[in-house]
Amino acid sequence: MTSDGAPGTPAGAGAADAAGLETAFRRFRDMLASDGYTLSWSVNGRDRVVVQIEAGPGACADCLVPLPVMEAIMSDALAPTGYALDHVVLPPQAGH
């Protein structure tokens, strides 16, 4: 699966790895979606994951936690996968 749930495999991740990453992020993707955000990810380099959060129309601007908190949450989510967080990209209007 790609980070947006479409069939395929993200660059740098095998099918089994992609499934593990999807599982790791599923709960956060669902929570963010309820506030109008989408979460996508890509493997950037060896075992490093870039997480991108984008605001949809009408997204709750006050619902995102500050960047350091989001990085800690995503790092914890990745712990069982064997991947490490490279960085998180928040929407520009997040102001964090």
Protein backbone atom coordinates (compact mmCIF):
# COMPACT_ATOMS: atom_id res chain seq x y z
CA MET A 1 0.00 0.00 0.00
CA THR A 2 1.11 3.52 -0.53
CA SER A 3 0.90 6.04 2.23
CA ASP A 4 -2.47 7.22 0.92
CA GLY A 5 -3.96 3.72 1.03
CA ALA A 6 -3.81 3.11 -2.74
CA PRO A 7 -2.43 -0.19 -4.04
CA GLY A 8 1.31 -0.25 -4.60
CA THR A 9 4.48 0.05 -2.57
CA PRO A 10 6.09 3.35 -1.52
CA ALA A 11 9.61 3.95 -2.77
CA GLY A 12 12.10 2.32 -0.47
CA ALA A 13 9.67 0.02 1.34
CA GLY A 14 8.93 -3.61 0.54
CA ALA A 15 5.33 -4.83 0.58
CA ALA A 16 5.66 -6.35 4.08
CA ASP A 17 7.34 -3.19 5.36
CA ALA A 18 4.64 -1.02 3.81
CA ALA A 19 1.96 -3.08 5.56
CA GLY A 20 3.77 -2.68 8.90
CA LEU A 21 4.04 1.06 8.43
CA GLU A 22 0.38 1.30 7.43
CA THR A 23 -0.55 -0.55 10.60
CA ALA A 24 1.67 1.71 12.71
CA PHE A 25 0.05 4.87 11.34
CA ARG A 26 -3.57 3.71 10.91
CA ARG A 27 -4.84 4.94 14.28
CA PHE A 28 -3.18 8.35 13.85
CA ARG A 29 -4.45 8.67 10.29
CA ASP A 30 -7.99 8.06 11.53
CA MET A 31 -7.67 10.59 14.38
CA LEU A 32 -6.21 13.25 12.10
CA ALA A 33 -8.91 12.61 9.48
CA SER A 34 -11.60 13.37 12.05
CA ASP A 35 -10.05 16.86 12.37
CA GLY A 36 -9.75 17.39 8.60
CA TYR A 37 -6.12 16.29 8.05
CA THR A 38 -4.46 13.61 5.98
CA LEU A 39 -1.35 11.70 6.99
CA SER A 40 1.00 10.31 4.40
CA TRP A 41 4.47 8.86 4.68
CA SER A 42 7.46 7.87 2.58
CA VAL A 43 10.68 6.03 3.24
CA ASN A 44 13.58 8.44 2.84
CA GLY A 45 16.93 6.71 2.93
CA ARG A 46 17.73 3.64 4.96
CA ASP A 47 14.96 2.84 7.42
CA ARG A 48 13.99 6.52 7.80
CA VAL A 49 10.39 7.67 7.42
CA VAL A 50 9.13 11.13 6.52
CA VAL A 51 5.59 11.80 7.78
CA GLN A 52 3.58 14.55 6.11
CA ILE A 53 0.38 15.97 7.51
CA GLU A 54 -1.76 18.08 5.21
CA ALA A 55 -4.79 20.18 6.03
CA GLY A 56 -7.98 19.59 4.13
CA PRO A 57 -10.76 22.14 3.65
CA GLY A 58 -12.11 23.17 7.04
CA ALA A 59 -9.33 21.47 9.02
CA CYS A 60 -9.29 22.27 12.73
CA ALA A 61 -6.27 24.58 13.04
CA ASP A 62 -6.17 24.26 16.84
CA CYS A 63 -6.29 20.46 16.79
CA LEU A 64 -2.66 19.78 15.83
CA VAL A 65 -0.12 19.35 18.60
CA PRO A 66 3.20 21.23 18.38
CA LEU A 67 5.87 19.73 16.11
CA PRO A 68 8.04 18.26 18.92
CA VAL A 69 5.01 16.45 20.35
CA MET A 70 3.98 15.14 16.90
CA GLU A 71 7.55 13.93 16.30
CA ALA A 72 7.50 12.04 19.61
CA ILE A 73 4.13 10.47 18.78
CA MET A 74 5.26 9.36 15.32
CA SER A 75 8.58 8.03 16.69
CA ASP A 76 6.70 5.94 19.23
CA ALA A 77 4.37 4.63 16.51
CA LEU A 78 7.36 3.53 14.43
CA ALA A 79 9.16 1.77 17.31
CA PRO A 80 7.81 -1.74 16.57
CA THR A 81 8.43 -1.44 12.81
CA GLY A 82 12.23 -1.27 12.70
CA TYR A 83 12.00 2.12 11.01
CA ALA A 84 12.97 5.46 12.55
CA LEU A 85 11.42 8.85 12.04
CA ASP A 86 13.35 11.17 9.75
CA HIS A 87 11.04 14.15 10.24
CA VAL A 88 7.45 15.35 10.28
CA VAL A 89 6.10 17.99 7.90
CA LEU A 90 3.16 19.95 9.28
CA PRO A 91 0.90 22.25 7.26
CA PRO A 92 2.26 25.81 6.97
CA GLN A 93 -0.79 27.25 8.74
CA ALA A 94 -0.17 25.03 11.77
CA GLY A 95 2.25 27.64 13.10
CA HIS A 96 4.14 25.14 15.23
